Protein backbone atom coordinates (compact mmCIF):
# COMPACT_ATOMS: atom_id res chain seq x y z
CA MET A 1 -6.33 35.24 17.44
CA ASN A 2 -6.52 31.44 16.97
CA ALA A 3 -5.20 29.29 19.88
CA PRO A 4 -2.09 27.13 19.09
CA PRO A 5 -2.97 23.56 18.06
CA VAL A 6 -3.14 20.93 20.77
CA GLY A 7 -0.80 18.71 18.70
CA THR A 8 -0.11 17.21 15.30
CA PHE A 9 -1.91 14.40 13.49
CA CYS A 10 -0.43 12.59 10.45
CA LEU A 11 -2.53 10.13 8.44
CA VAL A 12 -0.33 7.67 6.43
CA LEU A 13 -1.99 5.49 3.79
CA HIS A 14 -0.03 2.47 2.50
CA THR A 15 -1.08 1.81 -1.15
CA HIS A 16 0.07 -1.53 -2.49
CA LEU A 17 -0.94 -4.58 -4.50
CA PRO A 18 1.50 -7.09 -6.03
CA TRP A 19 2.01 -7.39 -9.80
CA VAL A 20 -1.24 -9.04 -10.97
CA ALA A 21 -1.38 -7.96 -14.69
CA HIS A 22 -1.71 -11.04 -16.97
CA HIS A 23 -1.89 -13.33 -13.89
CA GLY A 24 -5.50 -14.49 -13.56
CA ALA A 25 -8.70 -12.53 -13.12
CA TRP A 26 -10.98 -13.85 -10.40
CA PRO A 27 -11.18 -13.82 -7.39
CA VAL A 28 -7.71 -12.33 -7.01
CA GLY A 29 -5.53 -11.57 -10.00
CA GLU A 30 -6.62 -8.55 -12.03
CA GLU A 31 -10.01 -8.38 -10.37
CA TRP A 32 -8.22 -7.51 -7.07
CA LEU A 33 -6.68 -4.44 -8.79
CA HIS A 34 -9.79 -3.40 -10.60
CA GLN A 35 -11.89 -3.34 -7.40
CA ALA A 36 -9.21 -1.48 -5.45
CA TRP A 37 -8.85 1.18 -8.15
CA ALA A 38 -12.52 1.75 -8.63
CA THR A 39 -13.59 1.64 -4.96
CA SER A 40 -10.51 3.00 -3.11
CA TYR A 41 -8.11 4.93 -5.35
CA GLN A 42 -10.67 6.85 -7.31
CA PRO A 43 -12.82 7.83 -4.33
CA LEU A 44 -9.71 8.82 -2.34
CA VAL A 45 -8.51 11.16 -5.05
CA ARG A 46 -11.98 12.71 -5.31
CA VAL A 47 -11.94 13.42 -1.58
CA LEU A 48 -8.45 14.93 -1.78
CA ASN A 49 -9.39 17.11 -4.76
CA THR A 50 -12.55 18.29 -3.00
CA LEU A 51 -10.63 19.23 0.18
CA ALA A 52 -7.98 20.92 -1.89
CA ASP A 53 -10.63 23.02 -3.61
CA GLU A 54 -11.70 24.05 -0.10
CA GLY A 55 -8.20 25.35 0.46
CA GLN A 56 -6.75 22.49 2.55
CA ARG A 57 -3.16 21.42 2.07
CA HIS A 58 -0.74 18.85 3.54
CA LEU A 59 -3.66 16.50 4.14
CA LEU A 60 -2.01 13.12 4.35
CA THR A 61 1.03 11.10 3.48
CA LEU A 62 0.50 8.41 0.75
CA GLY A 63 2.80 5.48 0.46
CA MET A 64 2.68 4.24 -3.12
CA THR A 65 4.71 1.15 -3.95
CA PRO A 66 6.52 1.18 -7.32
CA VAL A 67 4.99 -2.11 -8.41
CA LEU A 68 1.49 -0.76 -7.88
CA ALA A 69 2.38 2.58 -9.50
CA ALA A 70 3.66 0.67 -12.52
CA GLN A 71 0.33 -1.11 -12.91
CA LEU A 72 -1.70 2.07 -12.57
CA ASP A 73 0.35 3.52 -15.45
CA ASP A 74 0.48 0.43 -17.62
CA PRO A 75 -1.55 0.89 -20.89
CA TYR A 76 -2.87 -2.67 -20.79
CA VAL A 77 -4.09 -2.24 -17.20
CA VAL A 78 -5.62 1.14 -17.93
CA ARG A 79 -7.57 -0.33 -20.84
CA GLU A 80 -8.75 -3.31 -18.77
CA GLN A 81 -9.82 -0.93 -15.96
CA HIS A 82 -11.99 0.97 -18.31
CA THR A 83 -13.53 -2.24 -19.57
CA TRP A 84 -14.11 -3.44 -16.06
CA LEU A 85 -15.88 -0.24 -15.11
CA GLY A 86 -18.17 -0.66 -18.13
CA TYR A 87 -18.96 -4.21 -17.19
CA TRP A 88 -19.73 -3.00 -13.60
CA ARG A 89 -22.35 -0.68 -15.04
CA VAL A 90 -23.86 -3.37 -17.26
CA ARG A 91 -24.22 -5.76 -14.34
CA ALA A 92 -25.75 -3.03 -12.23
CA GLU A 93 -28.31 -2.20 -14.92
CA GLY A 94 -29.28 -5.88 -14.91
CA MET A 95 -29.70 -5.92 -11.12
CA ALA A 96 -31.72 -2.65 -11.27
CA GLY A 97 -34.34 -4.59 -13.23
CA SER A 98 -34.88 -7.19 -10.51
CA ARG A 99 -38.31 -7.92 -9.14
CA GLU A 100 -37.31 -7.70 -5.51
CA HIS A 101 -37.36 -4.13 -4.18
CA TRP A 102 -34.14 -4.42 -2.19
CA ARG A 103 -32.26 -5.88 -5.23
CA ARG A 104 -33.65 -3.18 -7.48
CA GLU A 105 -32.54 -0.46 -5.08
CA ALA A 106 -29.09 -1.98 -4.78
CA GLY A 107 -28.83 -2.17 -8.53
CA LEU A 108 -29.73 1.50 -8.97
CA ARG A 109 -27.09 2.45 -6.40
CA GLU A 110 -24.46 0.38 -8.17
CA CYS A 111 -25.47 1.81 -11.55
CA ALA A 112 -24.99 5.35 -10.23
CA ALA A 113 -21.69 4.50 -8.67
CA ALA A 114 -20.40 2.81 -11.81
CA THR A 115 -21.50 5.70 -13.98
CA GLN A 116 -19.71 8.18 -11.72
CA ALA A 117 -16.51 6.02 -11.77
CA LEU A 118 -16.57 5.75 -15.58
CA GLU A 119 -16.94 9.53 -16.01
CA ASP A 120 -14.26 10.14 -13.39
CA PHE A 121 -11.94 7.60 -15.02
CA ASP A 122 -12.40 9.16 -18.48
CA SER A 123 -11.74 12.71 -17.23
CA THR A 124 -9.01 12.02 -14.72
CA TRP A 125 -7.38 8.61 -14.96
CA SER A 126 -7.23 7.70 -18.69
CA GLY A 127 -3.57 8.71 -18.85
CA GLY A 128 -2.68 6.56 -15.83
CA ALA A 129 -2.15 7.47 -12.23
CA ALA A 130 1.17 9.42 -12.56
CA PRO A 131 -0.42 12.72 -13.68
CA VAL A 132 -3.13 12.40 -11.00
CA LEU A 133 -0.66 12.01 -8.15
CA ARG A 134 1.80 14.56 -9.56
CA ARG A 135 -0.82 17.29 -9.38
CA LEU A 136 -1.57 16.39 -5.78
CA VAL A 137 2.14 16.48 -4.91
CA ASP A 138 2.85 19.66 -6.85
CA ASP A 139 -0.11 21.41 -5.11
CA ASP A 140 1.14 20.33 -1.62
CA VAL A 141 -2.02 18.34 -1.01
CA ILE A 142 -0.15 15.13 -0.17
CA GLU A 143 3.32 13.81 0.41
CA VAL A 144 4.19 10.57 -1.40
CA LEU A 145 6.44 7.98 0.24
CA GLY A 146 8.63 5.79 -2.00
CA GLY A 147 9.56 2.16 -1.53
CA PRO A 148 11.64 -0.71 -2.92
CA LEU A 149 10.57 -1.90 -6.35
CA THR A 150 8.40 -4.95 -5.53
CA HIS A 151 7.62 -4.68 -1.82
CA PRO A 152 10.12 -7.27 -0.49
CA PHE A 153 10.64 -8.01 3.16
CA LEU A 154 13.92 -6.03 3.42
CA PRO A 155 15.45 -7.71 6.55
CA LEU A 156 15.58 -11.04 4.67
CA LEU A 157 17.47 -9.66 1.63
CA PRO A 158 21.22 -9.44 1.04
CA ASP A 159 22.57 -5.92 1.77
CA ARG A 160 23.42 -5.28 -1.81
CA LEU A 161 19.97 -6.13 -2.98
CA VAL A 162 18.42 -3.88 -0.35
CA ASP A 163 20.52 -0.97 -1.55
CA ALA A 164 19.79 -1.58 -5.24
CA THR A 165 16.03 -2.11 -4.98
CA LEU A 166 15.63 0.89 -2.72
CA ALA A 167 17.54 3.17 -5.04
CA ALA A 168 15.70 1.85 -8.11
CA GLY A 169 12.30 2.30 -6.40
CA LEU A 170 13.05 5.87 -5.46
CA ASP A 171 14.28 6.63 -8.96
CA ASP A 172 11.06 5.18 -10.35
CA ALA A 173 8.98 7.47 -8.14
CA HIS A 174 11.07 10.45 -9.35
CA ARG A 175 10.39 9.54 -12.95
CA ARG A 176 6.64 9.25 -12.40
CA TRP A 177 5.99 12.21 -10.06
CA GLY A 178 8.76 14.65 -10.78
CA ASN A 179 10.55 14.47 -7.49
CA ARG A 180 12.41 11.81 -5.47
CA PRO A 181 10.54 11.07 -2.26
CA SER A 182 12.33 11.99 0.94
CA GLY A 183 10.26 9.53 2.90
CA LEU A 184 9.99 5.76 2.76
CA TRP A 185 7.29 3.22 3.47
CA THR A 186 9.42 0.29 4.50
CA PRO A 187 7.43 -2.85 3.45
CA GLU A 188 5.45 -4.37 6.28
CA CYS A 189 7.04 -1.71 8.59
CA ALA A 190 9.79 -4.30 8.84
CA TYR A 191 13.02 -3.27 10.53
CA GLU A 192 16.24 -4.80 11.81
CA PRO A 193 19.22 -2.90 13.23
CA GLY A 194 21.44 -1.64 10.42
CA LEU A 195 18.70 -1.05 7.87
CA GLU A 196 18.91 2.66 8.67
CA ARG A 197 22.29 2.76 6.87
CA ALA A 198 20.55 1.52 3.72
CA TYR A 199 17.86 4.14 4.12
CA ALA A 200 20.43 6.89 4.56
CA GLY A 201 22.45 5.63 1.62
CA ALA A 202 19.38 5.92 -0.59
CA GLY A 203 18.82 9.55 0.50
CA VAL A 204 15.82 8.73 2.67
CA GLY A 205 14.99 11.29 5.34
CA HIS A 206 12.16 9.61 7.28
CA VAL A 207 10.49 6.20 7.63
CA VAL A 208 7.45 4.73 9.28
CA LEU A 209 7.83 1.91 11.81
CA ASP A 210 5.15 0.25 13.88
CA GLY A 211 4.49 1.56 17.34
CA PRO A 212 5.79 -1.50 19.32
CA THR A 213 9.15 -1.22 17.54
CA LEU A 214 9.60 2.19 19.21
CA LEU A 215 7.90 1.31 22.46
CA GLY A 216 10.22 -1.66 22.84
CA VAL A 217 13.06 0.79 23.54
CA GLU A 218 10.86 3.12 25.61
CA ALA A 219 10.55 5.64 22.82
CA SER A 220 7.19 7.32 22.57
CA THR A 221 5.25 7.39 19.29
CA ALA A 222 4.50 11.06 20.15
CA ASP A 223 7.83 12.11 18.68
CA ALA A 224 10.07 11.54 15.73
CA TRP A 225 13.43 9.95 16.53
CA TRP A 226 16.80 9.61 14.85
CA LEU A 227 17.16 6.01 13.88
CA GLY A 228 20.42 4.43 15.04
CA ASP A 229 23.42 6.54 14.20
CA SER A 230 21.89 7.83 10.97
CA ASP A 231 20.26 11.04 9.91
CA VAL A 232 17.02 9.16 9.15
CA ALA A 233 14.01 10.13 11.29
CA ALA A 234 11.64 7.37 12.33
CA VAL A 235 7.99 7.75 13.42
CA GLY A 236 5.84 5.09 14.95
CA ARG A 237 2.18 4.24 14.37
CA ASP A 238 -0.03 5.10 17.41
CA LEU A 239 -1.82 1.82 17.90
CA GLU A 240 -4.34 3.21 20.39
CA VAL A 241 -5.64 5.65 17.82
CA SER A 242 -5.08 3.52 14.71
CA TYR A 243 -7.04 0.55 16.09
CA ARG A 244 -10.11 2.76 16.62
CA VAL A 245 -10.58 2.13 12.93
CA TRP A 246 -8.52 -1.02 12.31
CA SER A 247 -9.57 -3.35 15.15
CA PRO A 248 -11.59 -6.33 13.85
CA ARG A 249 -13.43 -6.41 17.17
CA ARG A 250 -14.33 -2.76 17.84
CA GLY A 251 -13.35 -0.92 14.68
CA TYR A 252 -15.79 1.37 12.96
CA PRO A 253 -16.28 -0.78 9.78
CA GLY A 254 -18.00 -3.41 11.89
CA ASP A 255 -21.01 -1.26 12.75
CA PRO A 256 -24.28 -3.05 11.95
CA TRP A 257 -25.44 -0.26 9.58
CA TYR A 258 -22.40 -0.24 7.35
CA ARG A 259 -22.30 -2.24 4.13
CA ASP A 260 -21.10 -5.76 4.67
CA PHE A 261 -17.95 -6.68 2.71
CA HIS A 262 -18.21 -10.46 2.91
CA THR A 263 -21.85 -11.07 1.82
CA PHE A 264 -22.62 -11.08 -1.94
CA ASP A 265 -25.79 -11.29 -3.89
CA HIS A 266 -24.67 -14.27 -5.94
CA GLU A 267 -26.90 -13.57 -8.98
CA TRP A 268 -25.30 -10.26 -9.71
CA GLY A 269 -22.11 -10.22 -7.67
CA PHE A 270 -22.80 -7.11 -5.64
CA ARG A 271 -22.69 -6.42 -1.92
CA ALA A 272 -26.28 -5.55 -1.02
CA SER A 273 -26.38 -6.32 2.66
CA ARG A 274 -25.42 -4.47 5.79
CA VAL A 275 -23.24 -5.89 8.52
CA THR A 276 -26.35 -6.45 10.67
CA GLY A 277 -24.34 -8.21 13.42
CA ARG A 278 -20.91 -9.77 13.83
CA SER A 279 -22.27 -13.27 14.40
CA VAL A 280 -25.17 -13.07 11.88
CA ASP A 281 -25.07 -15.68 9.10
CA PRO A 282 -24.89 -14.32 5.54
CA HIS A 283 -28.41 -15.44 4.59
CA ASP A 284 -29.78 -13.54 7.62
CA LYS A 285 -28.05 -10.26 6.79
CA GLN A 286 -30.41 -7.33 6.27
CA PRO A 287 -30.49 -5.12 3.12
CA TYR A 288 -28.16 -2.15 3.20
CA GLU A 289 -29.75 1.21 3.90
CA PRO A 290 -27.32 3.99 2.86
CA GLU A 291 -29.32 6.77 4.56
CA ARG A 292 -28.92 5.06 7.92
CA ALA A 293 -25.19 4.50 7.26
CA THR A 294 -24.65 8.17 6.48
CA ALA A 295 -25.62 9.14 10.08
CA ILE A 296 -23.19 6.54 11.44
CA ILE A 297 -20.38 7.94 9.34
CA GLN A 298 -20.62 11.34 11.00
CA ARG A 299 -20.95 9.79 14.43
CA ASP A 300 -17.77 7.72 13.89
CA ALA A 301 -15.91 10.66 12.42
CA ASP A 302 -16.78 12.75 15.46
CA ASP A 303 -15.67 9.94 17.71
CA PHE A 304 -12.27 9.61 15.95
CA VAL A 305 -11.67 13.34 16.15
CA ARG A 306 -12.54 13.25 19.82
CA VAL A 307 -10.08 10.36 20.37
CA VAL A 308 -7.29 12.10 18.52
CA ARG A 309 -7.84 15.38 20.32
CA GLN A 310 -7.95 13.75 23.76
CA ARG A 311 -4.88 11.77 22.95
CA LEU A 312 -3.00 14.94 22.05
CA LEU A 313 -4.28 16.74 25.15
CA ASP A 314 -3.10 13.92 27.36
CA LEU A 315 0.31 13.90 25.69
CA ARG A 316 0.62 17.67 26.15
CA ASP A 317 -0.19 17.33 29.84
CA GLN A 318 2.33 14.49 30.24
CA ARG A 319 5.05 16.43 28.41
CA ARG A 320 4.55 19.68 30.46
CA GLY A 321 2.95 21.63 27.68
CA ARG A 322 5.00 20.28 24.75
CA PRO A 323 2.69 19.26 21.90
CA GLY A 324 2.87 15.69 20.70
CA LEU A 325 2.41 13.73 17.45
CA VAL A 326 -0.15 11.06 16.58
CA VAL A 327 0.51 8.96 13.46
CA ALA A 328 -2.30 6.69 12.23
CA ALA A 329 -1.37 4.35 9.37
CA TYR A 330 -3.65 2.08 7.31
CA ASP A 331 -3.78 0.28 4.03
CA THR A 332 -5.42 2.60 1.51
CA GLU A 333 -7.64 -0.28 0.34
CA LEU A 334 -9.45 -0.15 3.71
CA PHE A 335 -11.15 3.02 2.56
CA GLY A 336 -13.79 2.08 0.00
CA HIS A 337 -12.82 -1.40 -0.92
CA TRP A 338 -12.99 -3.13 2.48
CA TRP A 339 -15.00 -0.38 4.16
CA HIS A 340 -17.55 1.02 1.66
CA GLU A 341 -18.19 4.22 3.71
CA GLY A 342 -14.46 4.77 4.40
CA PRO A 343 -13.91 7.65 1.94
CA GLN A 344 -16.84 9.60 3.31
CA TRP A 345 -15.57 9.04 6.86
CA LEU A 346 -12.09 10.18 5.78
CA ALA A 347 -13.45 13.44 4.32
CA ALA A 348 -15.44 14.15 7.47
CA VAL A 349 -12.39 13.50 9.73
CA LEU A 350 -10.01 15.65 7.68
CA ARG A 351 -12.52 18.52 7.74
CA ALA A 352 -13.19 18.24 11.46
CA LEU A 353 -9.70 17.75 12.93
CA PRO A 354 -8.51 21.34 12.24
CA GLN A 355 -11.79 22.68 13.59
CA ALA A 356 -10.97 20.73 16.81
CA GLY A 357 -7.67 22.44 17.14
CA VAL A 358 -5.51 19.60 15.69
CA ARG A 359 -2.74 20.39 13.24
CA VAL A 360 -3.05 18.03 10.25
CA THR A 361 0.02 17.66 8.12
CA THR A 362 2.32 15.33 6.27
CA LEU A 363 5.21 13.35 7.78
CA ARG A 364 7.78 15.56 6.05
CA GLU A 365 6.39 18.54 7.91
CA ALA A 366 6.11 16.71 11.22
CA VAL A 367 9.58 15.24 11.63
CA ALA A 368 11.61 18.42 11.62
CA GLU A 369 12.80 18.12 15.23
CA PRO A 370 13.52 14.57 16.36
CA ALA A 371 13.53 14.08 20.12
CA GLY A 372 16.67 11.97 20.31
CA ARG A 373 18.27 8.76 19.06
CA ILE A 374 16.86 5.25 19.37
CA TYR A 375 18.34 1.85 18.71
CA PRO A 376 15.27 -0.41 18.27
CA GLU A 377 15.31 -4.18 17.87
CA SER A 378 13.67 -6.04 14.97
CA GLY A 379 9.95 -5.66 14.35
CA SER A 380 7.12 -5.34 11.87
CA TRP A 381 3.45 -4.49 11.75
CA GLY A 382 2.56 -8.11 11.16
CA LEU A 383 0.74 -10.35 13.60
CA HIS A 384 2.53 -10.35 16.94
CA LYS A 385 4.80 -7.58 15.55
CA ASP A 386 7.56 -10.03 14.68
CA TRP A 387 8.61 -11.68 11.41
CA HIS A 388 6.82 -15.07 11.66
CA VAL A 389 4.27 -14.14 8.98
CA TRP A 390 7.15 -14.14 6.50
CA THR A 391 9.47 -16.77 8.09
CA GLY A 392 7.24 -19.04 10.22
CA GLU A 393 6.41 -22.73 9.65
CA PRO A 394 3.75 -22.29 6.89
CA VAL A 395 6.18 -20.25 4.76
CA ALA A 396 9.62 -21.52 5.96
CA ALA A 397 10.21 -23.36 2.70
CA MET A 398 9.21 -20.28 0.68
CA ALA A 399 11.51 -18.05 2.71
CA ASP A 400 14.44 -20.50 2.22
CA ARG A 401 13.86 -20.64 -1.49
CA GLN A 402 13.57 -16.82 -1.72
CA GLY A 403 16.90 -16.49 0.12
CA SER A 404 18.70 -18.99 -2.12
CA LEU A 405 17.16 -17.43 -5.28
CA ALA A 406 18.41 -13.99 -4.32
CA LYS A 407 21.97 -15.20 -3.72
CA GLU A 408 22.08 -17.32 -6.92
CA ALA A 409 20.60 -14.60 -9.05
CA LEU A 410 23.15 -12.02 -7.85
CA ALA A 411 25.95 -14.50 -8.38
CA SER A 412 24.74 -15.15 -11.88
CA LEU A 413 24.65 -11.40 -12.63
CA ASP A 414 28.24 -10.96 -11.31
CA ALA A 415 29.54 -13.87 -13.35
CA THR A 416 27.82 -13.34 -16.69
CA HIS A 417 26.76 -9.72 -17.21
CA PRO A 418 28.72 -7.92 -20.00
CA ARG A 419 28.69 -4.72 -17.94
CA THR A 420 29.40 -2.45 -20.97
CA HIS A 421 25.73 -2.38 -22.07
CA ARG A 422 22.25 -3.54 -21.00
CA SER A 423 21.39 -7.16 -21.38
CA ALA A 424 17.74 -8.21 -21.84
CA PRO A 425 18.24 -11.64 -20.15
CA HIS A 426 19.89 -10.13 -17.13
CA ASP A 427 17.22 -7.41 -16.87
CA ALA A 428 14.61 -10.15 -17.02
CA LEU A 429 16.43 -12.14 -14.42
CA VAL A 430 16.43 -9.21 -11.96
CA GLN A 431 12.80 -8.51 -12.66
CA GLU A 432 11.63 -12.11 -12.01
CA MET A 433 13.86 -12.41 -8.90
CA LEU A 434 12.31 -9.25 -7.47
CA LEU A 435 8.74 -10.43 -8.26
CA ALA A 436 9.46 -13.73 -6.55
CA LEU A 437 10.72 -11.82 -3.49
CA SER A 438 7.48 -9.85 -2.98
CA SER A 439 6.36 -10.08 0.65
CA ASP A 440 2.80 -10.63 -0.49
CA TRP A 441 3.26 -14.30 -1.30
CA ALA A 442 4.26 -15.33 2.27
CA PHE A 443 1.71 -13.03 3.77
CA MET A 444 -1.11 -14.65 1.77
CA VAL A 445 0.04 -18.14 2.65
CA SER A 446 0.46 -17.41 6.32
CA HIS A 447 -3.07 -15.85 6.49
CA ASP A 448 -4.51 -18.64 4.27
CA SER A 449 -5.80 -15.92 1.92
CA ALA A 450 -5.66 -17.23 -1.68
CA ALA A 451 -2.70 -19.30 -0.58
CA ALA A 452 -2.71 -21.50 -3.66
CA TYR A 453 -2.52 -18.42 -5.89
CA ALA A 454 0.33 -17.01 -3.85
CA TRP A 455 2.30 -20.24 -4.06
CA ASP A 456 1.70 -20.51 -7.82
CA ARG A 457 2.83 -16.91 -8.31
CA PHE A 458 6.05 -17.38 -6.29
CA VAL A 459 6.90 -20.65 -8.03
CA GLU A 460 6.21 -19.16 -11.51
CA HIS A 461 8.63 -16.21 -10.95
CA GLU A 462 11.15 -18.51 -9.25
CA GLU A 463 11.07 -20.86 -12.21
CA HIS A 464 11.47 -18.01 -14.71
CA ALA A 465 14.41 -16.72 -12.80
CA ARG A 466 16.10 -20.09 -12.40
CA GLY A 467 15.62 -20.84 -16.10
CA LEU A 468 17.46 -17.67 -16.98
CA ILE A 469 20.23 -18.46 -14.43
CA ALA A 470 20.68 -21.90 -16.08
CA ALA A 471 20.82 -20.50 -19.58
CA LEU A 472 23.25 -17.77 -18.63
CA GLY A 473 25.38 -20.23 -16.72
CA ARG A 474 25.67 -22.37 -19.94
CA HIS A 475 26.47 -19.20 -21.89
CA ASP A 476 23.59 -20.11 -24.11
CA MET A 477 22.53 -16.58 -25.03
CA VAL A 478 20.03 -17.74 -27.65
CA ALA A 479 18.04 -19.62 -25.00
CA ALA A 480 18.54 -16.78 -22.49
CA HIS A 481 17.10 -14.20 -24.94
CA GLU A 482 14.23 -16.55 -25.85
CA ARG A 483 13.35 -16.92 -22.16
CA ALA A 484 13.70 -13.13 -21.58
CA THR A 485 11.28 -12.47 -24.50
CA VAL A 486 8.68 -14.80 -23.00
CA VAL A 487 9.11 -13.34 -19.50
CA GLN A 488 8.89 -9.76 -20.64
CA HIS A 489 5.74 -10.54 -22.60
CA ILE A 490 4.05 -11.60 -19.34
CA ASP A 491 5.69 -9.32 -16.83
CA SER A 492 6.83 -5.77 -17.65
CA PRO A 493 6.44 -3.58 -14.57
CA PHE A 494 9.68 -1.70 -15.06
CA PRO A 495 10.85 -1.49 -18.68
CA GLY A 496 13.69 0.77 -17.66
CA LEU A 497 15.06 -1.69 -15.11
CA ASP A 498 18.81 -2.02 -15.71
CA ALA A 499 20.40 -5.07 -14.13
CA ARG A 500 23.77 -3.28 -13.99
CA ARG A 501 22.74 -1.36 -10.91
CA PHE A 502 22.44 -4.69 -9.07
CA LEU A 503 26.03 -5.78 -9.82
CA ARG A 504 28.76 -5.86 -7.22
CA THR A 505 30.39 -2.41 -7.21
CA ASP A 506 33.80 -3.98 -6.56
CA ALA A 507 33.49 -6.45 -9.42
CA PRO A 508 36.04 -6.16 -12.29
C-alpha cells in the first residue's frame, strides 16, 4: 500500500507576449514570438505529450493570455512561423559548414533542432495552437487559466473596463478550447482590495497572487484562501521554492555548463557558448558542451525535488500532520527560450516528484478546501512587490495617458455607439484602447528593455484610438470607418470583439 503524499505541488506557467504581429521583426517584434514559439511552446508541449503517454495527468496549470492565444491561432503568424523555422534550418546548415570545430558542432546541433521543430510544427501546430491545447485540456493533462484580453494592469483600470475585458477574455478562451476557464492568471499577479468582486462577477473560481501579498496579512502560501468576502480562492507563489529556479544570483540557469543566453555567434546568430562564469566576458565564454549540461540537468532536477519535498515535510510538521501546498510560478518562456535546458529539466522534475511522495496536480484540484478568509493589501509580482514598475517615475507619463485614454474611450463609446448593431469604428476603438493598455509597455520601459519599441507601440495604439475618438466625436462616420479599416488591417487579434459589451449597462 502506498504511503499518503507528503503534500501537494502545483506548477503554474504564465504564457504571454504582447501583440507583435505586423509590428517589426528584430530584435523584438515578431522575432520575439517566433523564438518563444519554437524554443519554449513547442518543447513544452512535447514534454507534456510524452508524460501524458506515460500515463501522467494533471501535470501543471498553464496561464495563456488571450492576446498570445490569438497570435498562435492567427493564419498570418502561423505562416510566418513556418517560414522562420525554415530560415532557422538554412542558417544552421550554413554554420554546420564552418571551418572551426566548435562552430561546426554548434551548427549541426542547431540543424537537428530546427529539423525537429519543422517536423513537429507541420504535424502538430499547422492549424494553430487551439487544437493543441484543447487536446491537453480534454485529456486532463493541464488546466488552462484565462485572463483579460490584452494583459492590462487591472488595478489601474476603471471598474467597468475590468469587468468587460475579463468577461471577454474568458469567453475568448471558451471559444478556443471548448470550456470557460475557472481559474484566472491576473496580469502581473496585481491585486488591490475589491478586485475579487470583479473576479467573482466573471465566474472565476481561483486566482494566483504573489507570495508576499498573502504573507502581508500573515496568510501562509501553504493553503488556498477565500479572497475578501468572495467565493474566489487565492493561492500564493512560494518564493523560497520558486527562486530556486528564478533567482538571478543562485538559480539553476546560471550554472557554468548551461548554454549562455546572452552570447551570440555574430556570423550566424546562434548561441554557441556556455555560461562559463557569471563575470566572464562574452569573448571569453567557452563552447557549449551539451553532454556536460545533461548531467547538470539531472542534478538540478534532483535538487529541486529535494527542496520541494523538504518544504512539504517541514510544513506538515508545523501544521501537526496536515499536508501543505507549494505553488511555483514562472514565465513559460523561461523554459527553452531563456533557459535552453529548461524543458528537459521540467520533464525530469515532473517524473521525479511523484516518486518522491509529492502529489502533483493543477490548481483547480488543489484549491478545494480554502483555510479561511484573507483581506490582503495591494501587491504584484513586480520588483519590490508593489506597483512602481507600472506607475513609477520612468512610466508616470505613460500611466497618466493610459488612464485618460481609458476614460475618454469609454465616454466616446457611451456617447456615440448606435447600440442596436455592431459598429466597426467602435470595435476598432476598443481594440486599440486595450492594446495601448497592455502592461508590457510600462514593464519594458521601467526595465529599460527595448524601451523605445515599447514607447512607440504605446503611442501608436494611443494615436489610433484618439483618432477614432475624434472622428466619432465629430460624427464623421466616413473618416471613422476609414480609420477603422486601416487599424484592422494592422491589428486584428480579436475579430469577434464587440464594443457593445464595453458600454455602460445603465445607458439609455
